[in-house]
Amino acid sequence: MDYTPCVALLCSPCSEDRAALAALFHSLGVTLVPAHNVATASDLLRRRHFSLALLDLDCDPAWTETIERLLAVDPQLTVIVYSRLPDEHRWIDALEAGAADFISKPFSKPELDWVLETARHLEAAI
């Protein structure tokens, strides 16, 4: 599928995740803009539109507050959270905090393709 001009924001201090996600998103025709911390992500959100944001739960102990902070800047943002642990309690907590979905590492192209399609539908509905 063609997601152009989809632009995704990645909030993660982990260089391995940024590299893996950048390669997969590139293969899907999506521009990925990295942010190493929440302050940078919030600043980027104020300056441009993103189709979705990905948030690393493993590197952010205050991730529920981070979701709320990102959504305060852009209430229409589709937030996808990810973790190395596929924990259904974290998934529920993420949804309750305002995230649209939860994905687990290792990342796969079919899973990201599905997430992008879901984000497109959410964005079109707004």
C-alpha atoms as a PDB file:
ATOM      1  CA  MET A   1       0.000   0.000   0.000  1.00  0.00           C
ATOM      2  CA  ASP A   2       1.046   3.559  -0.588  1.00  0.00           C
ATOM      3  CA  TYR A   3       1.075   5.625   2.597  1.00  0.00           C
ATOM      4  CA  THR A   4       2.681   8.729   1.119  1.00  0.00           C
ATOM      5  CA  PRO A   5       2.789  11.383   2.485  1.00  0.00           C
ATOM      6  CA  CYS A   6       2.518   9.562   5.812  1.00  0.00           C
ATOM      7  CA  VAL A   7       4.992  10.846   8.363  1.00  0.00           C
ATOM      8  CA  ALA A   8       5.443   9.040  11.676  1.00  0.00           C
ATOM      9  CA  LEU A   9       7.066  10.332  14.841  1.00  0.00           C
ATOM     10  CA  LEU A  10       9.159   7.875  16.851  1.00  0.00           C
ATOM     11  CA  CYS A  11       9.794   8.707  20.500  1.00  0.00           C
ATOM     12  CA  SER A  12      12.561   6.384  21.692  1.00  0.00           C
ATOM     13  CA  PRO A  13      16.070   6.802  23.082  1.00  0.00           C
ATOM     14  CA  CYS A  14      16.987   3.312  21.800  1.00  0.00           C
ATOM     15  CA  SER A  15      19.131   3.533  18.652  1.00  0.00           C
ATOM     16  CA  GLU A  16      18.479  -0.148  17.786  1.00  0.00           C
ATOM     17  CA  ASP A  17      14.717   0.426  17.752  1.00  0.00           C
ATOM     18  CA  ARG A  18      15.101   3.612  15.733  1.00  0.00           C
ATOM     19  CA  ALA A  19      17.207   1.783  13.130  1.00  0.00           C
ATOM     20  CA  ALA A  20      14.887  -1.238  12.902  1.00  0.00           C
ATOM     21  CA  LEU A  21      11.749   0.874  12.648  1.00  0.00           C
ATOM     22  CA  ALA A  22      13.326   3.304  10.178  1.00  0.00           C
ATOM     23  CA  ALA A  23      14.201   0.429   7.831  1.00  0.00           C
ATOM     24  CA  LEU A  24      10.739  -1.126   8.059  1.00  0.00           C
ATOM     25  CA  PHE A  25       8.902   2.168   7.665  1.00  0.00           C
ATOM     26  CA  HIS A  26      11.112   3.124   4.740  1.00  0.00           C
ATOM     27  CA  SER A  27      10.183  -0.163   3.041  1.00  0.00           C
ATOM     28  CA  LEU A  28       6.528   0.842   3.494  1.00  0.00           C
ATOM     29  CA  GLY A  29       7.105   4.299   2.008  1.00  0.00           C
ATOM     30  CA  VAL A  30       6.731   6.136   5.313  1.00  0.00           C
ATOM     31  CA  THR A  31       8.976   8.891   6.584  1.00  0.00           C
ATOM     32  CA  LEU A  32      10.015   8.288  10.183  1.00  0.00           C
ATOM     33  CA  VAL A  33      11.132  11.259  12.272  1.00  0.00           C
ATOM     34  CA  PRO A  34      13.024  10.247  15.432  1.00  0.00           C
ATOM     35  CA  ALA A  35      12.796  11.997  18.776  1.00  0.00           C
ATOM     36  CA  HIS A  36      15.113  10.855  21.554  1.00  0.00           C
ATOM     37  CA  ASN A  37      12.856  12.134  24.349  1.00  0.00           C
ATOM     38  CA  VAL A  38       9.376  13.457  25.106  1.00  0.00           C
ATOM     39  CA  ALA A  39      10.416  17.109  25.066  1.00  0.00           C
ATOM     40  CA  THR A  40      11.768  16.774  21.532  1.00  0.00           C
ATOM     41  CA  ALA A  41       8.692  14.814  20.441  1.00  0.00           C
ATOM     42  CA  SER A  42       6.383  17.488  21.865  1.00  0.00           C
ATOM     43  CA  ASP A  43       8.353  20.230  20.124  1.00  0.00           C
ATOM     44  CA  LEU A  44       8.170  18.379  16.797  1.00  0.00           C
ATOM     45  CA  LEU A  45       4.409  17.895  17.223  1.00  0.00           C
ATOM     46  CA  ARG A  46       3.954  21.626  17.678  1.00  0.00           C
ATOM     47  CA  ARG A  47       5.805  22.347  14.433  1.00  0.00           C
ATOM     48  CA  ARG A  48       4.388  19.773  11.997  1.00  0.00           C
ATOM     49  CA  HIS A  49       1.659  17.223  11.408  1.00  0.00           C
ATOM     50  CA  PHE A  50       2.346  13.538  11.990  1.00  0.00           C
ATOM     51  CA  SER A  51       0.037  10.744  10.901  1.00  0.00           C
ATOM     52  CA  LEU A  52       1.021   8.756  13.951  1.00  0.00           C
ATOM     53  CA  ALA A  53       3.474   8.559  16.813  1.00  0.00           C
ATOM     54  CA  LEU A  54       5.241   5.477  18.139  1.00  0.00           C
ATOM     55  CA  LEU A  55       6.273   5.380  21.776  1.00  0.00           C
ATOM     56  CA  ASP A  56       8.774   2.998  23.378  1.00  0.00           C
ATOM     57  CA  LEU A  57       7.321   1.792  26.683  1.00  0.00           C
ATOM     58  CA  ASP A  58      10.500  -0.029  27.741  1.00  0.00           C
ATOM     59  CA  CYS A  59      12.550   3.174  27.913  1.00  0.00           C
ATOM     60  CA  ASP A  60       9.921   5.446  29.442  1.00  0.00           C
ATOM     61  CA  PRO A  61       8.884   4.706  33.042  1.00  0.00           C
ATOM     62  CA  ALA A  62       6.238   7.467  32.851  1.00  0.00           C
ATOM     63  CA  TRP A  63       4.803   6.292  29.533  1.00  0.00           C
ATOM     64  CA  THR A  64       1.128   6.822  30.440  1.00  0.00           C
ATOM     65  CA  GLU A  65       1.921  10.464  31.195  1.00  0.00           C
ATOM     66  CA  THR A  66       3.891  10.658  27.955  1.00  0.00           C
ATOM     67  CA  ILE A  67       0.875   9.467  25.960  1.00  0.00           C
ATOM     68  CA  GLU A  68      -1.258  12.090  27.656  1.00  0.00           C
ATOM     69  CA  ARG A  69       1.378  14.769  27.034  1.00  0.00           C
ATOM     70  CA  LEU A  70       1.628  13.929  23.317  1.00  0.00           C
ATOM     71  CA  LEU A  71      -2.151  13.909  22.960  1.00  0.00           C
ATOM     72  CA  ALA A  72      -2.352  17.261  24.772  1.00  0.00           C
ATOM     73  CA  VAL A  73      -0.199  18.751  22.004  1.00  0.00           C
ATOM     74  CA  ASP A  74      -2.178  17.024  19.218  1.00  0.00           C
ATOM     75  CA  PRO A  75      -5.461  15.447  20.359  1.00  0.00           C
ATOM     76  CA  GLN A  76      -5.987  13.871  16.923  1.00  0.00           C
ATOM     77  CA  LEU A  77      -2.636  12.072  16.945  1.00  0.00           C
ATOM     78  CA  THR A  78      -2.737   8.290  16.611  1.00  0.00           C
ATOM     79  CA  VAL A  79      -0.353   6.934  19.262  1.00  0.00           C
ATOM     80  CA  ILE A  80       1.029   3.429  18.913  1.00  0.00           C
ATOM     81  CA  VAL A  81       3.036   2.065  21.825  1.00  0.00           C
ATOM     82  CA  TYR A  82       5.513  -0.783  21.708  1.00  0.00           C
ATOM     83  CA  SER A  83       7.409  -3.026  24.073  1.00  0.00           C
ATOM     84  CA  ARG A  84       9.542  -6.127  24.076  1.00  0.00           C
ATOM     85  CA  LEU A  85       6.982  -7.653  26.460  1.00  0.00           C
ATOM     86  CA  PRO A  86       3.594  -8.582  24.941  1.00  0.00           C
ATOM     87  CA  ASP A  87       1.737  -7.939  28.196  1.00  0.00           C
ATOM     88  CA  GLU A  88      -2.041  -7.636  27.928  1.00  0.00           C
ATOM     89  CA  HIS A  89      -2.220  -5.502  31.099  1.00  0.00           C
ATOM     90  CA  ARG A  90       0.166  -2.936  29.583  1.00  0.00           C
ATOM     91  CA  TRP A  91      -1.885  -3.051  26.381  1.00  0.00           C
ATOM     92  CA  ILE A  92      -5.063  -2.254  28.329  1.00  0.00           C
ATOM     93  CA  ASP A  93      -3.281   0.484  30.303  1.00  0.00           C
ATOM     94  CA  ALA A  94      -2.015   1.973  27.033  1.00  0.00           C
ATOM     95  CA  LEU A  95      -5.500   2.011  25.519  1.00  0.00           C
ATOM     96  CA  GLU A  96      -6.912   3.613  28.651  1.00  0.00           C
ATOM     97  CA  ALA A  97      -4.201   6.289  28.496  1.00  0.00           C
ATOM     98  CA  GLY A  98      -5.226   7.145  24.928  1.00  0.00           C
ATOM     99  CA  ALA A  99      -3.038   4.940  22.715  1.00  0.00           C
ATOM    100  CA  ALA A 100      -4.661   3.469  19.614  1.00  0.00           C
ATOM    101  CA  ASP A 101      -2.683   0.223  19.609  1.00  0.00           C
ATOM    102  CA  PHE A 102       0.159  -1.793  21.116  1.00  0.00           C
ATOM    103  CA  ILE A 103       2.807  -3.744  19.187  1.00  0.00           C
ATOM    104  CA  SER A 104       5.594  -5.992  20.415  1.00  0.00           C
ATOM    105  CA  LYS A 105       9.207  -6.449  19.422  1.00  0.00           C
ATOM    106  CA  PRO A 106      10.584  -7.874  17.250  1.00  0.00           C
ATOM    107  CA  PHE A 107       8.932  -5.646  14.671  1.00  0.00           C
ATOM    108  CA  SER A 108       7.530  -7.164  11.509  1.00  0.00           C
ATOM    109  CA  LYS A 109       6.560  -5.578   8.243  1.00  0.00           C
ATOM    110  CA  PRO A 110       3.041  -7.136   8.189  1.00  0.00           C
ATOM    111  CA  GLU A 111       2.333  -5.857  11.709  1.00  0.00           C
ATOM    112  CA  LEU A 112       3.520  -2.339  10.854  1.00  0.00           C
ATOM    113  CA  ASP A 113       1.544  -2.442   7.605  1.00  0.00           C
ATOM    114  CA  TRP A 114      -1.582  -3.249   9.620  1.00  0.00           C
ATOM    115  CA  VAL A 115      -0.822  -0.486  12.143  1.00  0.00           C
ATOM    116  CA  LEU A 116      -0.365   2.032   9.341  1.00  0.00           C
ATOM    117  CA  GLU A 117      -3.623   1.006   7.688  1.00  0.00           C
ATOM    118  CA  THR A 118      -5.424   1.393  11.025  1.00  0.00           C
ATOM    119  CA  ALA A 119      -3.831   4.821  11.534  1.00  0.00           C
ATOM    120  CA  ARG A 120      -4.971   5.903   8.074  1.00  0.00           C
ATOM    121  CA  HIS A 121      -8.536   4.900   8.859  1.00  0.00           C
ATOM    122  CA  LEU A 122      -8.432   6.722  12.191  1.00  0.00           C
ATOM    123  CA  GLU A 123      -7.024   9.856  10.565  1.00  0.00           C
ATOM    124  CA  ALA A 124      -9.659   9.751   7.812  1.00  0.00           C
ATOM    125  CA  ALA A 125     -12.421   9.455  10.408  1.00  0.00           C
ATOM    126  CA  ILE A 126     -11.344  12.637  12.195  1.00  0.00           C
END
